[in-house]
């Protein structure tokens, strides 16, 4: 039933939320280790709190100052992220 699905989703989302929060923390640590001028922005269903337990985590890497955009640093961030076991897809 719909109520059973809602209850199951609530339980599973809560478990995945901890994992996703840890991933966001890891991304932020990687950014800090490479260049403090870049930050992560979360968007999509997780950011709007309407995710289901199978939803992915959408993260955008942006410069703190929109005038600073260094492709070589973005490439380094990409290369570091793509080698993480918890990354499924990373586009530059």
Protein backbone atom coordinates (compact mmCIF):
# COMPACT_ATOMS: atom_id res chain seq x y z
CA UNK A 1 0.00 0.00 0.00
CA UNK A 2 1.01 3.64 -0.28
CA UNK A 3 1.35 3.99 3.48
CA UNK A 4 3.68 0.98 3.68
CA UNK A 5 5.80 2.40 0.84
CA UNK A 6 5.96 5.80 2.57
CA UNK A 7 7.07 4.18 5.83
CA UNK A 8 9.67 2.01 4.07
CA UNK A 9 10.98 5.00 2.13
CA UNK A 10 11.24 7.10 5.31
CA UNK A 11 13.35 4.42 7.02
CA UNK A 12 15.60 3.82 4.02
CA UNK A 13 16.05 7.53 3.26
CA UNK A 14 17.14 8.13 6.87
CA UNK A 15 19.84 5.45 6.53
CA UNK A 16 21.02 6.80 3.17
CA UNK A 17 20.99 10.36 4.49
CA UNK A 18 23.87 9.56 6.85
CA UNK A 19 25.86 8.10 3.97
CA UNK A 20 25.12 11.06 1.69
CA UNK A 21 26.08 13.53 4.44
CA UNK A 22 29.40 11.67 4.78
CA UNK A 23 29.95 11.87 1.01
CA UNK A 24 29.30 15.64 1.05
CA UNK A 25 31.80 15.97 3.91
CA UNK A 26 34.38 13.95 1.93
CA UNK A 27 33.86 16.08 -1.18
CA UNK A 28 34.33 19.25 0.89
CA UNK A 29 37.55 17.84 2.39
CA UNK A 30 38.88 17.04 -1.07
CA UNK A 31 38.06 20.57 -2.23
CA UNK A 32 39.81 22.08 0.80
CA UNK A 33 42.90 19.97 0.15
CA UNK A 34 43.12 21.09 -3.48
CA UNK A 35 41.89 24.69 -3.55
CA UNK A 36 39.99 26.61 -0.89
CA UNK A 37 38.36 28.78 -3.58
CA UNK A 38 35.97 26.00 -4.63
CA UNK A 39 32.90 24.73 -2.80
CA UNK A 40 30.23 22.10 -3.28
CA UNK A 41 26.61 22.92 -3.97
CA UNK A 42 23.99 20.24 -3.46
CA UNK A 43 20.98 20.28 -5.76
CA UNK A 44 18.22 17.96 -6.91
CA UNK A 45 15.89 15.84 -4.83
CA UNK A 46 18.29 15.50 -1.88
CA UNK A 47 18.70 19.27 -1.58
CA UNK A 48 14.94 19.83 -1.74
CA UNK A 49 14.27 17.00 0.72
CA UNK A 50 12.04 15.06 -1.68
CA UNK A 51 14.41 12.18 -2.43
CA UNK A 52 13.43 8.54 -2.45
CA UNK A 53 15.74 5.86 -1.10
CA UNK A 54 17.09 5.08 -4.59
CA UNK A 55 17.75 8.75 -5.43
CA UNK A 56 21.24 9.84 -6.30
CA UNK A 57 23.20 12.74 -4.83
CA UNK A 58 23.77 15.69 -7.15
CA UNK A 59 26.80 17.84 -6.32
CA UNK A 60 28.07 20.80 -8.29
CA UNK A 61 31.60 22.13 -7.74
CA UNK A 62 31.74 25.91 -8.11
CA UNK A 63 34.29 28.65 -7.46
CA UNK A 64 33.52 30.82 -4.42
CA UNK A 65 34.21 33.85 -6.60
CA UNK A 66 32.45 33.42 -9.94
CA UNK A 67 35.31 35.30 -11.62
CA UNK A 68 37.87 32.67 -10.67
CA UNK A 69 37.56 29.58 -12.81
CA UNK A 70 40.68 27.57 -13.31
CA UNK A 71 40.29 24.57 -15.60
CA UNK A 72 43.44 22.86 -14.34
CA UNK A 73 42.16 22.99 -10.75
CA UNK A 74 38.75 21.70 -11.85
CA UNK A 75 40.52 18.87 -13.67
CA UNK A 76 42.51 18.03 -10.54
CA UNK A 77 39.31 18.00 -8.46
CA UNK A 78 37.63 15.79 -11.08
CA UNK A 79 40.55 13.36 -11.23
CA UNK A 80 40.62 13.10 -7.45
CA UNK A 81 36.86 12.52 -7.17
CA UNK A 82 36.62 10.00 -10.00
CA UNK A 83 39.10 7.75 -8.18
CA UNK A 84 36.93 7.55 -5.06
CA UNK A 85 35.10 4.26 -4.55
CA UNK A 86 31.89 6.10 -3.61
CA UNK A 87 31.75 8.07 -6.89
CA UNK A 88 29.57 6.57 -9.59
CA UNK A 89 29.71 9.35 -12.16
CA UNK A 90 31.71 12.55 -12.33
CA UNK A 91 31.62 14.88 -15.31
CA UNK A 92 33.91 17.77 -16.09
